[in-house]
């Protein structure tokens, strides 16, 4: 299988006209110079779907080639393509799981004269068998996590399972669920560095969402004491965990045949409720996660899945394990329940949101802060 490819294509008025006839999209923005002059573009532009057809050429003829089946794709058009024009199409294999026969390709199309990108796309693909049954994928992938749970209990994907809160939550969740917890910690049953390029994507490719009931996202990098504008690297790390990883989970969970019904994220009151400028990157990431949870309800609605976020205040484990007694008493003094939030408090809310009883709770941010005023 090729890992990269590049080729040039000349796009003419005859090509655009032929595509208009074939697709039935005769919008004058594409075919009428007179009409296009009255628009912001000033001249006709190539159909976006025409460019997507070139994406298909990358998958079908190069990466992965003739056994390719496109499973899904995301696409954006940063700039219009005016014609006639010559474009350069480049494809890059991002990752490939040989056991499941699935992978992802990044495709970019550039107007060579104007030197601007007119399309960027991420494509998930699978491989079909050459003959029925002759080269079918293995019934049981090499990684045991991809096979159905033998315990008969619903299967739950957890990220950050060995972190401070995770260490306390997982034993309780394990009484109800068959927990598949990923962590970067050496010796973990499923060691995955969420910040390593492509590592989590490859892990998800190896999991069949048709064998999972839900997912719980706990992972977060360490907080750095700095304003967000002074900590761009920290912002990138926080947004990777708070936004990109949940998006990858949601994309995985909405595949055909998925049985995922619950996605629960764990945020912080340092996000939207009480942002902490001195921990700017962390607060920004957690605030973004709350908004993302609401957006993802639409992504997973077709399969009847819910997405919610638990928003705890300071919990004296993990990132906050070194709280001084003075800090503890200060927090308790601002809390109506007169005690710190504990992992068991979060576990109870998570368990509820995963249960059938929470079927009509969707897009909610549930504070677990004891009525704290900060």
Protein backbone atom coordinates (compact mmCIF):
# COMPACT_ATOMS: atom_id res chain seq x y z
CA UNK A 1 0.00 0.00 0.00
CA UNK A 2 1.26 3.47 -0.90
CA UNK A 3 1.85 5.84 2.01
CA UNK A 4 1.64 9.00 -0.11
CA UNK A 5 0.71 10.06 -3.61
CA UNK A 6 0.58 13.21 -5.72
CA UNK A 7 -0.80 13.97 -9.17
CA UNK A 8 -1.92 16.96 -11.25
CA UNK A 9 -5.32 17.43 -12.86
CA UNK A 10 -6.35 20.04 -15.43
CA UNK A 11 -9.90 21.28 -14.83
CA UNK A 12 -11.60 22.80 -17.89
CA UNK A 13 -14.96 24.38 -18.65
CA UNK A 14 -15.90 21.17 -20.50
CA UNK A 15 -15.18 19.14 -17.32
CA UNK A 16 -17.40 21.41 -15.21
CA UNK A 17 -20.18 21.28 -17.81
CA UNK A 18 -19.97 17.47 -17.98
CA UNK A 19 -20.13 17.24 -14.18
CA UNK A 20 -23.15 19.56 -14.14
CA UNK A 21 -24.95 17.29 -16.58
CA UNK A 22 -23.97 14.10 -14.76
CA UNK A 23 -24.84 15.34 -11.26
CA UNK A 24 -27.82 17.47 -12.21
CA UNK A 25 -26.31 20.39 -10.28
CA UNK A 26 -26.67 23.17 -12.87
CA UNK A 27 -26.37 26.01 -10.38
CA UNK A 28 -25.35 29.06 -12.46
CA UNK A 29 -22.56 29.87 -9.99
CA UNK A 30 -20.74 26.96 -11.62
CA UNK A 31 -21.81 27.31 -15.24
CA UNK A 32 -22.77 30.92 -16.04
CA UNK A 33 -20.08 33.61 -16.32
CA UNK A 34 -22.75 36.31 -16.45
CA UNK A 35 -24.40 35.14 -13.24
CA UNK A 36 -21.09 34.59 -11.46
CA UNK A 37 -20.02 38.18 -12.21
CA UNK A 38 -22.95 39.35 -10.08
CA UNK A 39 -21.68 37.39 -7.05
CA UNK A 40 -18.82 37.88 -4.60
CA UNK A 41 -16.77 35.37 -6.58
CA UNK A 42 -16.79 37.35 -9.82
CA UNK A 43 -16.40 34.27 -12.01
CA UNK A 44 -17.67 30.67 -12.07
CA UNK A 45 -16.28 28.20 -9.54
CA UNK A 46 -15.86 24.44 -9.69
CA UNK A 47 -18.41 22.28 -7.82
CA UNK A 48 -17.20 21.15 -4.41
CA UNK A 49 -18.44 17.66 -5.27
CA UNK A 50 -16.18 17.66 -8.34
CA UNK A 51 -13.21 18.05 -6.01
CA UNK A 52 -14.55 15.32 -3.72
CA UNK A 53 -14.48 13.02 -6.76
CA UNK A 54 -10.72 13.60 -6.89
CA UNK A 55 -10.57 12.53 -3.24
CA UNK A 56 -12.27 9.31 -4.33
CA UNK A 57 -9.57 8.89 -6.99
CA UNK A 58 -6.88 9.03 -4.27
CA UNK A 59 -8.62 6.30 -2.27
CA UNK A 60 -9.61 4.09 -5.18
CA UNK A 61 -6.42 4.29 -7.21
CA UNK A 62 -3.62 5.00 -4.74
CA UNK A 63 -4.23 4.83 -0.96
CA UNK A 64 -5.23 2.11 -0.24
CA UNK A 65 -6.06 1.27 -3.88
CA UNK A 66 -8.40 -1.17 -5.54
CA UNK A 67 -9.73 -2.78 -2.35
CA UNK A 68 -10.77 0.57 -0.94
CA UNK A 69 -14.22 1.27 0.47
CA UNK A 70 -14.84 4.78 1.82
CA UNK A 71 -16.51 4.55 5.23
CA UNK A 72 -16.81 8.27 5.98
CA UNK A 73 -15.16 11.57 5.16
CA UNK A 74 -15.00 15.10 6.45
CA UNK A 75 -14.20 17.88 4.03
CA UNK A 76 -13.72 21.63 3.97
CA UNK A 77 -13.17 24.10 1.14
CA UNK A 78 -10.86 26.92 2.36
CA UNK A 79 -10.79 28.69 -1.04
CA UNK A 80 -12.82 28.50 -4.26
CA UNK A 81 -11.42 26.90 -7.41
CA UNK A 82 -11.85 29.03 -10.51
CA UNK A 83 -11.47 27.41 -13.90
CA UNK A 84 -9.69 26.65 -16.13
CA UNK A 85 -7.08 25.61 -13.60
CA UNK A 86 -4.47 23.03 -12.80
CA UNK A 87 -4.67 21.44 -9.35
CA UNK A 88 -2.26 19.26 -7.43
CA UNK A 89 -3.86 16.44 -5.46
CA UNK A 90 -1.86 14.93 -2.60
CA UNK A 91 -2.78 12.04 -0.34
CA UNK A 92 -1.09 10.88 2.85
CA UNK A 93 -1.80 7.71 4.83
CA UNK A 94 -2.35 8.81 8.44
CA UNK A 95 -2.74 5.38 9.99
CA UNK A 96 -3.73 1.84 9.09
CA UNK A 97 -4.84 -1.13 11.21
CA UNK A 98 -3.98 -4.33 9.36
CA UNK A 99 -6.03 -6.53 11.71
CA UNK A 100 -9.29 -4.71 11.01
CA UNK A 101 -8.37 -3.53 7.52
CA UNK A 102 -9.25 0.10 8.28
CA UNK A 103 -7.35 3.36 8.17
CA UNK A 104 -7.41 7.07 7.44
CA UNK A 105 -6.07 9.23 4.63
CA UNK A 106 -5.55 12.99 4.51
CA UNK A 107 -6.16 14.56 1.10
CA UNK A 108 -5.33 18.13 0.04
CA UNK A 109 -6.02 19.81 -3.31
CA UNK A 110 -4.10 22.93 -4.26
CA UNK A 111 -4.62 25.43 -7.08
CA UNK A 112 -1.09 25.43 -8.48
CA UNK A 113 -1.34 28.88 -10.08
CA UNK A 114 -2.80 30.71 -7.10
CA UNK A 115 -0.93 28.50 -4.62
CA UNK A 116 -3.87 28.13 -2.30
CA UNK A 117 -5.64 25.09 -0.92
CA UNK A 118 -9.13 24.50 -2.29
CA UNK A 119 -9.93 21.27 -0.41
CA UNK A 120 -8.82 19.43 2.70
CA UNK A 121 -10.33 16.09 3.67
CA UNK A 122 -9.94 13.31 6.23
CA UNK A 123 -11.21 9.97 4.91
CA UNK A 124 -11.81 6.75 6.84
CA UNK A 125 -11.60 3.64 4.69
CA UNK A 126 -11.98 -0.11 4.89
CA UNK A 127 -10.74 -2.96 2.69
CA UNK A 128 -13.16 -5.30 0.94
CA UNK A 129 -12.43 -8.96 0.23
CA UNK A 130 -11.38 -9.83 -3.33
CA UNK A 131 -13.72 -12.84 -3.43
CA UNK A 132 -16.69 -13.46 -1.11
CA UNK A 133 -15.28 -15.15 1.98
CA UNK A 134 -11.85 -15.71 0.40
CA UNK A 135 -10.01 -12.88 2.11
CA UNK A 136 -12.41 -11.85 4.83
CA UNK A 137 -10.94 -10.06 7.78
CA UNK A 138 -10.10 -12.22 10.79
CA UNK A 139 -13.14 -12.96 12.93
CA UNK A 140 -11.14 -12.11 16.06
CA UNK A 141 -8.56 -9.31 15.88
CA UNK A 142 -5.21 -9.82 17.54
CA UNK A 143 -5.98 -7.24 20.22
CA UNK A 144 -8.33 -8.79 22.78
CA UNK A 145 -10.05 -5.46 23.40
CA UNK A 146 -11.72 -5.66 19.99
CA UNK A 147 -13.65 -8.84 20.77
CA UNK A 148 -16.98 -8.86 22.62
CA UNK A 149 -16.88 -8.94 26.39
CA UNK A 150 -16.89 -12.45 27.77
CA UNK A 151 -18.37 -11.31 31.06
CA UNK A 152 -21.75 -10.58 29.51
CA UNK A 153 -21.68 -7.12 31.08
CA UNK A 154 -22.01 -3.97 28.95
CA UNK A 155 -18.66 -2.74 27.72
CA UNK A 156 -17.40 0.73 28.63
CA UNK A 157 -14.49 2.60 27.05
CA UNK A 158 -12.65 4.86 29.53
CA UNK A 159 -9.86 7.33 28.79
CA UNK A 160 -7.50 8.39 31.55
CA UNK A 161 -8.44 5.43 33.68
CA UNK A 162 -5.27 5.51 35.79
CA UNK A 163 -5.44 9.21 36.68
CA UNK A 164 -6.44 10.56 40.08
CA UNK A 165 -10.21 10.38 39.64
CA UNK A 166 -10.00 7.33 37.39
CA UNK A 167 -8.22 5.25 40.02
CA UNK A 168 -11.19 5.75 42.31
CA UNK A 169 -13.97 5.54 39.71
CA UNK A 170 -12.89 2.45 37.81
CA UNK A 171 -13.28 -0.08 40.64
CA UNK A 172 -16.87 1.07 41.14
CA UNK A 173 -17.65 1.07 37.43
CA UNK A 174 -16.08 -2.38 37.08
CA UNK A 175 -18.84 -3.84 39.23
CA UNK A 176 -21.35 -3.03 36.47
CA UNK A 177 -19.33 -2.72 33.27
CA UNK A 178 -16.59 -4.52 31.42
CA UNK A 179 -14.17 -1.56 31.50
CA UNK A 180 -11.64 -1.02 28.72
CA UNK A 181 -9.44 1.76 30.13
CA UNK A 182 -6.71 3.42 28.08
CA UNK A 183 -3.80 5.22 29.73
CA UNK A 184 -0.32 6.37 28.86
CA UNK A 185 1.05 4.80 32.07
CA UNK A 186 3.60 2.02 31.43
CA UNK A 187 2.19 -1.35 32.33
CA UNK A 188 -1.40 -0.35 31.63
CA UNK A 189 -3.50 -3.07 30.04
CA UNK A 190 -4.21 -0.72 27.12
CA UNK A 191 -1.30 1.71 26.98
CA UNK A 192 -2.11 4.60 24.63
CA UNK A 193 -0.57 8.06 24.66
CA UNK A 194 -3.45 10.35 23.69
CA UNK A 195 -0.98 13.05 22.65
CA UNK A 196 1.05 10.83 20.32
CA UNK A 197 0.15 11.55 16.71
CA UNK A 198 -2.32 8.94 15.47
CA UNK A 199 -2.00 6.63 18.51
CA UNK A 200 -5.55 7.04 19.83
CA UNK A 201 -6.94 6.94 16.31
CA UNK A 202 -5.24 3.61 15.75
CA UNK A 203 -6.56 2.29 19.04
CA UNK A 204 -10.13 3.24 18.11
CA UNK A 205 -9.75 1.64 14.69
CA UNK A 206 -9.08 -1.63 16.51
CA UNK A 207 -12.31 -1.41 18.53
CA UNK A 208 -15.70 -2.49 17.22
CA UNK A 209 -18.26 0.09 18.45
CA UNK A 210 -20.86 -2.61 17.97
CA UNK A 211 -19.53 -4.28 21.13
CA UNK A 212 -19.61 -1.19 23.37
CA UNK A 213 -22.40 0.35 25.43
CA UNK A 214 -20.74 3.66 26.27
CA UNK A 215 -17.65 5.78 26.80
CA UNK A 216 -16.35 7.86 29.70
CA UNK A 217 -13.72 10.52 28.99
CA UNK A 218 -11.56 11.41 32.01
CA UNK A 219 -8.14 12.24 30.64
CA UNK A 220 -6.57 15.66 31.18
CA UNK A 221 -2.95 16.83 31.12
CA UNK A 222 -1.35 18.55 34.08
CA UNK A 223 -2.27 22.17 34.71
CA UNK A 224 0.35 24.85 34.14
CA UNK A 225 0.23 28.11 36.07
CA UNK A 226 0.14 30.77 33.34
CA UNK A 227 -2.25 33.01 31.46
CA UNK A 228 -3.62 31.32 28.35
CA UNK A 229 -1.90 33.82 26.03
CA UNK A 230 1.46 32.98 27.63
CA UNK A 231 0.98 29.22 27.37
CA UNK A 232 0.12 28.32 23.77
CA UNK A 233 1.70 24.88 24.11
CA UNK A 234 -0.41 24.23 27.21
CA UNK A 235 -3.51 25.40 25.34
CA UNK A 236 -2.81 22.93 22.54
CA UNK A 237 -2.38 20.08 25.03
CA UNK A 238 -5.54 20.94 26.93
CA UNK A 239 -7.61 21.28 23.75
CA UNK A 240 -6.28 17.95 22.50
CA UNK A 241 -7.72 16.22 25.57
CA UNK A 242 -10.81 18.39 26.00
CA UNK A 243 -11.92 18.71 22.38
CA UNK A 244 -10.06 16.51 19.89
CA UNK A 245 -10.22 13.27 21.88
CA UNK A 246 -14.00 13.52 22.57
CA UNK A 247 -14.52 14.30 18.87
CA UNK A 248 -12.58 11.16 17.92
CA UNK A 249 -14.67 9.12 20.37
CA UNK A 250 -17.90 10.55 18.93
CA UNK A 251 -16.81 9.83 15.36
CA UNK A 252 -15.94 6.27 16.33
CA UNK A 253 -19.20 5.85 18.26
CA UNK A 254 -21.42 6.86 15.34
CA UNK A 255 -20.14 4.28 12.87
CA UNK A 256 -22.60 1.92 11.24
CA UNK A 257 -23.51 -0.92 13.59
CA UNK A 258 -22.50 0.98 16.72
CA UNK A 259 -24.30 0.09 19.94
CA UNK A 260 -22.89 3.06 21.90
CA UNK A 261 -25.71 4.73 23.85
CA UNK A 262 -23.88 6.88 26.40
CA UNK A 263 -20.99 9.33 26.24
CA UNK A 264 -20.02 11.01 29.51
CA UNK A 265 -17.29 13.65 29.76
CA UNK A 266 -15.70 14.92 32.96
CA UNK A 267 -14.96 18.65 33.07
CA UNK A 268 -14.33 21.14 35.85
CA UNK A 269 -15.95 24.16 37.46
CA UNK A 270 -12.72 25.91 36.47
CA UNK A 271 -14.14 25.92 32.96
CA UNK A 272 -17.34 27.92 32.41
CA UNK A 273 -18.56 28.31 36.00
CA UNK A 274 -15.46 29.70 37.73
CA UNK A 275 -12.66 30.20 35.17
CA UNK A 276 -9.17 30.43 36.63
CA UNK A 277 -7.03 32.94 34.66
CA UNK A 278 -3.90 31.75 36.47
CA UNK A 279 -4.55 28.31 34.93
CA UNK A 280 -5.68 29.75 31.61
CA UNK A 281 -5.03 26.77 29.34
CA UNK A 282 -6.81 24.35 31.68
CA UNK A 283 -9.83 26.62 32.10
CA UNK A 284 -10.09 27.19 28.36
CA UNK A 285 -10.03 23.47 27.63
CA UNK A 286 -12.68 22.61 30.22
CA UNK A 287 -14.95 25.46 29.05
CA UNK A 288 -14.64 24.24 25.45
CA UNK A 289 -15.51 20.71 26.58
CA UNK A 290 -18.84 21.90 28.02
CA UNK A 291 -19.87 23.48 24.74
CA UNK A 292 -18.68 20.42 22.84
CA UNK A 293 -20.90 18.14 24.94
CA UNK A 294 -23.95 20.11 23.81
CA UNK A 295 -22.88 20.01 20.17
CA UNK A 296 -22.26 16.26 20.20
CA UNK A 297 -25.85 15.53 21.15
CA UNK A 298 -26.75 16.19 17.51
CA UNK A 299 -23.92 13.99 16.21
CA UNK A 300 -25.17 10.94 18.14
CA UNK A 301 -28.91 11.58 18.11
CA UNK A 302 -29.63 9.24 15.20
CA UNK A 303 -28.65 6.22 17.31
CA UNK A 304 -30.49 7.39 20.41
CA UNK A 305 -27.28 8.09 22.33
CA UNK A 306 -26.89 10.78 24.97
CA UNK A 307 -23.93 13.06 25.70
CA UNK A 308 -23.49 14.75 29.07
CA UNK A 309 -20.69 16.32 31.09
CA UNK A 310 -20.03 16.08 34.82
CA UNK A 311 -18.54 19.31 36.20
CA UNK A 312 -16.86 18.77 39.59
CA UNK A 313 -15.15 21.35 41.73
CA UNK A 314 -11.75 20.68 43.31
CA UNK A 315 -11.28 16.99 44.13
CA UNK A 316 -8.25 16.23 46.36
CA UNK A 317 -6.79 13.54 44.09
CA UNK A 318 -4.63 13.51 40.97
CA UNK A 319 -3.86 17.09 39.92
CA UNK A 320 -5.00 18.36 43.34
CA UNK A 321 -3.43 15.68 45.51
CA UNK A 322 -1.00 18.14 47.09
CA UNK A 323 -3.60 20.54 48.47
CA UNK A 324 -2.44 22.11 51.69
CA UNK A 325 -4.65 22.02 54.78
CA UNK A 326 -5.14 25.74 54.47
CA UNK A 327 -6.38 25.37 50.89
CA UNK A 328 -8.69 22.52 51.89
CA UNK A 329 -10.27 24.54 54.67
CA UNK A 330 -10.66 27.55 52.39
CA UNK A 331 -12.56 25.45 49.83
CA UNK A 332 -14.71 23.79 52.49
CA UNK A 333 -15.59 27.20 53.88
CA UNK A 334 -17.08 28.22 50.53
CA UNK A 335 -19.07 24.98 50.13
CA UNK A 336 -22.66 24.62 51.37
CA UNK A 337 -22.16 20.93 52.26
CA UNK A 338 -19.09 21.73 54.37
CA UNK A 339 -16.87 19.11 52.80
CA UNK A 340 -14.73 18.60 49.72
CA UNK A 341 -16.10 16.80 46.68
CA UNK A 342 -14.84 13.22 46.67
CA UNK A 343 -14.41 10.71 43.83
CA UNK A 344 -17.43 8.73 45.11
CA UNK A 345 -19.60 11.81 44.49
CA UNK A 346 -18.47 11.93 40.87
CA UNK A 347 -18.82 8.17 40.51
CA UNK A 348 -22.46 8.33 41.62
CA UNK A 349 -23.33 10.96 39.01
CA UNK A 350 -21.39 9.16 36.26
CA UNK A 351 -23.14 5.88 37.10
CA UNK A 352 -26.51 7.62 36.88
CA UNK A 353 -25.75 9.25 33.52
CA UNK A 354 -24.67 5.88 32.13
CA UNK A 355 -27.86 4.19 33.32
CA UNK A 356 -31.23 3.75 31.62
CA UNK A 357 -32.71 6.15 34.17
CA UNK A 358 -30.84 9.02 32.46
CA UNK A 359 -32.20 8.31 28.96
CA UNK A 360 -33.85 11.74 28.75
CA UNK A 361 -30.91 13.73 30.10
CA UNK A 362 -28.92 14.95 27.12
CA UNK A 363 -26.51 17.84 26.64
CA UNK A 364 -26.49 18.59 30.37
CA UNK A 365 -23.60 19.97 32.40
CA UNK A 366 -24.12 18.64 35.91
CA UNK A 367 -22.21 20.46 38.63
CA UNK A 368 -20.82 18.35 41.48
CA UNK A 369 -19.58 21.11 43.74
CA UNK A 370 -21.58 20.92 46.99
CA UNK A 371 -23.11 24.31 46.28
CA UNK A 372 -19.74 26.06 46.22
CA UNK A 373 -19.72 29.78 45.47
CA UNK A 374 -16.36 29.48 43.69
